[in-house]
N, C-alpha and C. Protein backbone atom coordinates (compact mmCIF):
# COMPACT_ATOMS: atom_id res chain seq x y z
N UNK A 1 0.85 -1.13 0.02
CA UNK A 1 0.03 0.02 0.01
C UNK A 1 0.91 1.27 0.01
N UNK A 2 0.54 2.17 -0.82
CA UNK A 2 1.31 3.45 -0.93
C UNK A 2 0.39 4.58 -0.49
N UNK A 3 0.87 5.40 0.42
CA UNK A 3 0.06 6.50 0.97
C UNK A 3 0.63 7.78 0.48
N UNK A 4 -0.29 8.61 -0.07
CA UNK A 4 0.01 9.97 -0.42
C UNK A 4 -0.79 10.86 0.52
N UNK A 5 -0.08 11.60 1.36
CA UNK A 5 -0.70 12.29 2.45
C UNK A 5 -0.45 13.78 2.39
N UNK A 6 -1.47 14.60 2.42
CA UNK A 6 -1.34 16.02 2.40
C UNK A 6 -1.92 16.70 3.63
N UNK A 7 -1.21 17.67 4.04
CA UNK A 7 -1.62 18.51 5.17
C UNK A 7 -0.96 19.87 5.13
N UNK A 8 -1.24 20.74 5.98
CA UNK A 8 -0.66 22.05 5.87
C UNK A 8 0.82 22.20 6.29
N UNK A 9 1.20 21.72 7.48
CA UNK A 9 2.58 21.96 7.88
C UNK A 9 2.95 20.74 8.78
N UNK A 10 4.15 20.21 8.56
CA UNK A 10 4.61 19.08 9.32
C UNK A 10 4.71 19.32 10.86
N UNK A 11 5.06 20.59 11.24
CA UNK A 11 5.20 20.87 12.66
C UNK A 11 3.88 20.83 13.37
N UNK A 12 2.80 21.17 12.75
CA UNK A 12 1.55 21.18 13.45
C UNK A 12 0.52 20.12 12.97
N UNK A 13 0.72 19.51 11.89
CA UNK A 13 -0.29 18.62 11.34
C UNK A 13 0.16 17.20 11.09
N UNK A 14 1.32 16.78 11.51
CA UNK A 14 1.82 15.44 11.34
C UNK A 14 1.32 14.58 12.51
N UNK A 15 0.04 14.54 12.59
CA UNK A 15 -0.60 13.82 13.77
C UNK A 15 -0.33 12.36 13.84
N UNK A 16 -0.19 11.71 12.69
CA UNK A 16 0.07 10.23 12.67
C UNK A 16 1.40 9.90 12.21
N UNK A 17 2.36 10.78 12.30
CA UNK A 17 3.74 10.55 11.75
C UNK A 17 4.36 9.29 12.41
N UNK A 18 4.20 9.13 13.67
CA UNK A 18 4.81 7.96 14.40
C UNK A 18 4.24 6.65 13.86
N UNK A 19 2.84 6.65 13.76
CA UNK A 19 2.17 5.51 13.31
C UNK A 19 2.48 5.11 11.86
N UNK A 20 2.51 6.16 11.02
CA UNK A 20 2.90 5.96 9.64
C UNK A 20 4.28 5.36 9.53
N UNK A 21 5.21 5.88 10.30
CA UNK A 21 6.65 5.37 10.27
C UNK A 21 6.64 3.93 10.71
N UNK A 22 5.87 3.68 11.76
CA UNK A 22 5.76 2.25 12.27
C UNK A 22 5.21 1.29 11.18
N UNK A 23 4.19 1.71 10.61
CA UNK A 23 3.53 0.93 9.48
C UNK A 23 4.38 0.66 8.33
N UNK A 24 5.24 1.73 8.01
CA UNK A 24 6.11 1.52 6.86
C UNK A 24 7.23 0.55 7.30
N UNK A 25 7.77 0.71 8.48
CA UNK A 25 8.81 -0.20 8.95
C UNK A 25 8.30 -1.63 9.13
N UNK A 26 7.04 -1.76 9.52
CA UNK A 26 6.47 -3.08 9.69
C UNK A 26 5.91 -3.70 8.37
N UNK A 27 5.98 -2.92 7.26
CA UNK A 27 5.58 -3.58 5.98
C UNK A 27 4.05 -3.33 5.62
N UNK A 28 3.30 -2.75 6.57
CA UNK A 28 1.85 -2.50 6.16
C UNK A 28 1.80 -1.45 5.10
N UNK A 29 2.75 -0.49 5.09
CA UNK A 29 2.81 0.56 4.02
C UNK A 29 4.11 0.36 3.24
N UNK A 30 4.01 0.37 1.92
CA UNK A 30 5.23 0.33 1.08
C UNK A 30 5.93 1.65 1.06
N UNK A 31 5.12 2.71 1.00
CA UNK A 31 5.72 4.05 0.93
C UNK A 31 4.76 5.09 1.53
N UNK A 32 5.34 6.15 1.98
CA UNK A 32 4.57 7.27 2.38
C UNK A 32 5.13 8.56 1.80
N UNK A 33 4.29 9.26 1.01
CA UNK A 33 4.72 10.48 0.29
C UNK A 33 3.94 11.64 0.94
N UNK A 34 4.61 12.67 1.46
CA UNK A 34 3.94 13.78 2.14
C UNK A 34 3.87 14.97 1.28
N UNK A 35 2.85 15.75 1.34
CA UNK A 35 2.73 17.07 0.64
C UNK A 35 2.32 18.08 1.75
N UNK A 36 3.09 19.10 1.87
CA UNK A 36 2.75 20.12 2.90
C UNK A 36 2.47 21.48 2.13
N UNK A 37 1.31 22.03 2.35
CA UNK A 37 0.90 23.22 1.50
C UNK A 37 1.30 24.54 2.23
N UNK A 38 1.76 24.56 3.44
CA UNK A 38 2.16 25.85 4.08
C UNK A 38 3.57 25.85 4.58
N UNK A 39 4.47 25.44 3.66
CA UNK A 39 5.84 25.47 3.98
C UNK A 39 6.56 26.38 2.93
N UNK A 40 7.88 26.51 3.02
CA UNK A 40 8.64 27.30 2.08
C UNK A 40 8.51 26.81 0.64
N UNK A 41 8.31 25.57 0.49
CA UNK A 41 8.07 24.91 -0.83
C UNK A 41 6.73 24.19 -0.83
N UNK A 42 5.60 24.88 -0.93
CA UNK A 42 4.32 24.27 -0.85
C UNK A 42 4.09 23.22 -1.95
N UNK A 43 3.44 22.11 -1.48
CA UNK A 43 2.99 21.07 -2.46
C UNK A 43 1.70 20.51 -1.95
N UNK A 44 0.95 20.02 -2.92
CA UNK A 44 -0.35 19.39 -2.69
C UNK A 44 -0.29 17.96 -3.09
N UNK A 45 -1.29 17.21 -2.66
CA UNK A 45 -1.32 15.73 -3.02
C UNK A 45 -1.19 15.50 -4.47
N UNK A 46 -1.95 16.30 -5.28
CA UNK A 46 -1.83 16.06 -6.73
C UNK A 46 -0.54 16.37 -7.30
N UNK A 47 0.28 17.21 -6.66
CA UNK A 47 1.70 17.50 -7.08
C UNK A 47 2.59 16.22 -6.84
N UNK A 48 2.44 15.62 -5.75
CA UNK A 48 3.28 14.42 -5.48
C UNK A 48 2.75 13.18 -6.33
N UNK A 49 1.49 13.21 -6.63
CA UNK A 49 0.99 12.14 -7.51
C UNK A 49 1.63 12.30 -8.92
N UNK A 50 1.60 13.49 -9.39
CA UNK A 50 2.20 13.75 -10.74
C UNK A 50 3.67 13.37 -10.73
N UNK A 51 4.43 13.65 -9.67
CA UNK A 51 5.81 13.27 -9.60
C UNK A 51 6.01 11.84 -9.61
N UNK A 52 5.05 11.09 -9.17
CA UNK A 52 5.11 9.68 -9.09
C UNK A 52 4.23 8.90 -10.17
N UNK A 53 4.11 9.70 -11.25
CA UNK A 53 3.07 9.20 -12.30
C UNK A 53 3.50 7.82 -12.86
N UNK A 54 4.77 7.56 -13.12
CA UNK A 54 5.11 6.30 -13.71
C UNK A 54 4.83 5.10 -12.78
N UNK A 55 5.11 5.23 -11.50
CA UNK A 55 4.81 4.16 -10.59
C UNK A 55 3.22 4.03 -10.45
N UNK A 56 2.52 5.15 -10.38
CA UNK A 56 1.06 5.05 -10.22
C UNK A 56 0.43 4.45 -11.42
N UNK A 57 0.86 4.75 -12.62
CA UNK A 57 0.31 4.22 -13.81
C UNK A 57 0.57 2.67 -13.82
N UNK A 58 1.73 2.20 -13.45
CA UNK A 58 2.02 0.77 -13.43
C UNK A 58 1.14 0.11 -12.37
N UNK A 59 1.04 0.69 -11.23
CA UNK A 59 0.26 0.03 -10.22
C UNK A 59 -1.24 -0.09 -10.60
N UNK A 60 -1.79 0.87 -11.19
CA UNK A 60 -3.14 0.85 -11.62
C UNK A 60 -3.28 -0.12 -12.74
N UNK A 61 -2.37 -0.16 -13.70
CA UNK A 61 -2.41 -1.06 -14.84
C UNK A 61 -2.36 -2.47 -14.30
N UNK A 62 -1.68 -2.73 -13.20
CA UNK A 62 -1.56 -4.05 -12.59
C UNK A 62 -2.67 -4.44 -11.69
N UNK A 63 -3.71 -3.63 -11.67
CA UNK A 63 -4.89 -3.90 -10.88
C UNK A 63 -5.05 -3.17 -9.54
N UNK A 64 -4.19 -2.19 -9.31
CA UNK A 64 -4.25 -1.39 -8.04
C UNK A 64 -5.54 -0.62 -7.90
N UNK A 65 -5.86 -0.38 -6.63
CA UNK A 65 -7.04 0.41 -6.25
C UNK A 65 -6.54 1.83 -5.79
N UNK A 66 -7.44 2.74 -5.88
CA UNK A 66 -7.13 4.13 -5.40
C UNK A 66 -8.32 4.54 -4.46
N UNK A 67 -7.94 4.96 -3.27
CA UNK A 67 -8.91 5.46 -2.28
C UNK A 67 -8.50 6.85 -1.97
N UNK A 68 -9.47 7.80 -2.07
CA UNK A 68 -9.18 9.21 -1.78
C UNK A 68 -10.05 9.65 -0.60
N UNK A 69 -9.41 10.29 0.38
CA UNK A 69 -10.17 10.75 1.57
C UNK A 69 -9.72 12.09 1.83
N UNK A 70 -10.63 13.02 1.99
CA UNK A 70 -10.29 14.39 2.46
C UNK A 70 -11.26 15.40 1.83
N UNK A 71 -10.82 16.58 1.77
CA UNK A 71 -11.69 17.76 1.27
C UNK A 71 -12.02 17.60 -0.22
N UNK A 72 -13.21 18.20 -0.56
CA UNK A 72 -13.67 18.14 -1.92
C UNK A 72 -12.71 18.80 -2.90
N UNK A 73 -12.06 19.89 -2.61
CA UNK A 73 -11.15 20.51 -3.45
C UNK A 73 -9.91 19.68 -3.70
N UNK A 74 -9.44 19.06 -2.68
CA UNK A 74 -8.27 18.13 -2.78
C UNK A 74 -8.70 17.04 -3.70
N UNK A 75 -9.83 16.43 -3.48
CA UNK A 75 -10.29 15.26 -4.30
C UNK A 75 -10.40 15.63 -5.77
N UNK A 76 -10.88 16.80 -6.01
CA UNK A 76 -11.06 17.27 -7.40
C UNK A 76 -9.68 17.41 -8.06
N UNK A 77 -8.76 17.98 -7.34
CA UNK A 77 -7.35 18.09 -7.86
C UNK A 77 -6.70 16.73 -8.05
N UNK A 78 -6.92 15.83 -7.15
CA UNK A 78 -6.42 14.46 -7.25
C UNK A 78 -7.02 13.79 -8.47
N UNK A 79 -8.33 13.91 -8.60
CA UNK A 79 -9.03 13.26 -9.81
C UNK A 79 -8.52 13.84 -11.08
N UNK A 80 -8.22 15.06 -11.18
CA UNK A 80 -7.69 15.69 -12.38
C UNK A 80 -6.28 15.19 -12.69
N UNK A 81 -5.45 15.08 -11.62
CA UNK A 81 -4.06 14.51 -11.84
C UNK A 81 -4.10 13.09 -12.24
N UNK A 82 -4.97 12.34 -11.63
CA UNK A 82 -5.08 10.86 -11.95
C UNK A 82 -5.50 10.75 -13.40
N UNK A 83 -6.51 11.52 -13.73
CA UNK A 83 -7.00 11.41 -15.17
C UNK A 83 -5.85 11.66 -16.13
N UNK A 84 -5.01 12.69 -15.90
CA UNK A 84 -3.90 13.01 -16.75
C UNK A 84 -2.87 11.86 -16.68
N UNK A 85 -2.64 11.31 -15.52
CA UNK A 85 -1.60 10.21 -15.34
C UNK A 85 -2.02 9.00 -16.09
N UNK A 86 -3.31 8.71 -15.98
CA UNK A 86 -3.88 7.37 -16.52
C UNK A 86 -4.24 7.46 -17.97
N UNK A 87 -4.48 8.63 -18.54
CA UNK A 87 -4.93 8.81 -19.92
C UNK A 87 -4.07 8.10 -20.94
N UNK A 88 -2.70 8.15 -20.86
CA UNK A 88 -1.89 7.50 -21.83
C UNK A 88 -2.06 5.95 -21.90
N UNK A 89 -2.56 5.39 -20.81
CA UNK A 89 -2.80 3.96 -20.77
C UNK A 89 -4.24 3.65 -21.18
N UNK A 90 -5.01 4.68 -21.50
CA UNK A 90 -6.45 4.47 -21.83
C UNK A 90 -7.35 4.07 -20.65
N UNK A 91 -6.90 4.43 -19.42
CA UNK A 91 -7.64 4.11 -18.28
C UNK A 91 -8.24 5.31 -17.72
N UNK A 92 -9.58 5.35 -17.48
CA UNK A 92 -10.25 6.51 -16.97
C UNK A 92 -10.81 6.20 -15.54
N UNK A 93 -11.14 7.29 -14.86
CA UNK A 93 -11.63 7.06 -13.47
C UNK A 93 -12.98 6.50 -13.51
N UNK A 94 -13.77 6.78 -14.48
CA UNK A 94 -15.16 6.16 -14.58
C UNK A 94 -15.00 4.65 -14.68
N UNK A 95 -14.03 4.14 -15.47
CA UNK A 95 -13.81 2.71 -15.54
C UNK A 95 -13.33 2.12 -14.23
N UNK A 96 -12.45 2.86 -13.57
CA UNK A 96 -11.97 2.35 -12.25
C UNK A 96 -13.12 2.33 -11.25
N UNK A 97 -13.96 3.28 -11.30
CA UNK A 97 -15.13 3.35 -10.41
C UNK A 97 -16.04 2.16 -10.65
N UNK A 98 -16.31 1.92 -11.92
CA UNK A 98 -17.17 0.79 -12.33
C UNK A 98 -16.61 -0.51 -11.88
N UNK A 99 -15.23 -0.67 -11.85
CA UNK A 99 -14.63 -1.88 -11.47
C UNK A 99 -14.40 -1.94 -9.92
N UNK A 100 -14.80 -0.95 -9.25
CA UNK A 100 -14.60 -0.91 -7.80
C UNK A 100 -13.23 -0.70 -7.36
N UNK A 101 -12.45 0.04 -8.22
CA UNK A 101 -11.05 0.29 -7.95
C UNK A 101 -10.74 1.71 -7.66
N UNK A 102 -11.78 2.59 -7.60
CA UNK A 102 -11.63 3.95 -7.29
C UNK A 102 -12.74 4.40 -6.34
N UNK A 103 -12.49 4.94 -5.22
CA UNK A 103 -13.54 5.37 -4.32
C UNK A 103 -13.08 6.63 -3.62
N UNK A 104 -14.09 7.50 -3.35
CA UNK A 104 -13.78 8.73 -2.61
C UNK A 104 -14.58 8.82 -1.33
N UNK A 105 -14.06 9.30 -0.26
CA UNK A 105 -14.71 9.66 0.90
C UNK A 105 -14.36 11.09 1.26
N UNK A 106 -15.10 12.02 0.69
CA UNK A 106 -14.80 13.40 0.69
C UNK A 106 -15.83 14.25 1.49
N UNK A 107 -15.43 15.37 1.95
CA UNK A 107 -16.36 16.29 2.71
C UNK A 107 -16.19 17.67 2.26
């Protein structure tokens, strides 16, 4: 499992940093990629997804699932990034949703 996690600032919002590190060390998570929007070099989840486009495309092509949880604006940005990432493979989010491989829990 690969986690792409976005929040405002690591000093105030890294609420589960210890747990995430333990899960990575224990093998429950393969990777953890963080995006912080209120730092000297702001980044958003969709930014780190685009940087990892090759791996994401391969994971999805190999049957991977995508679960998105968070705010509506973030989810819209993530959906747009994923659409761009998966388009060259001819994979769309509607197809992934129909296959039960894409789900959102947004607020």
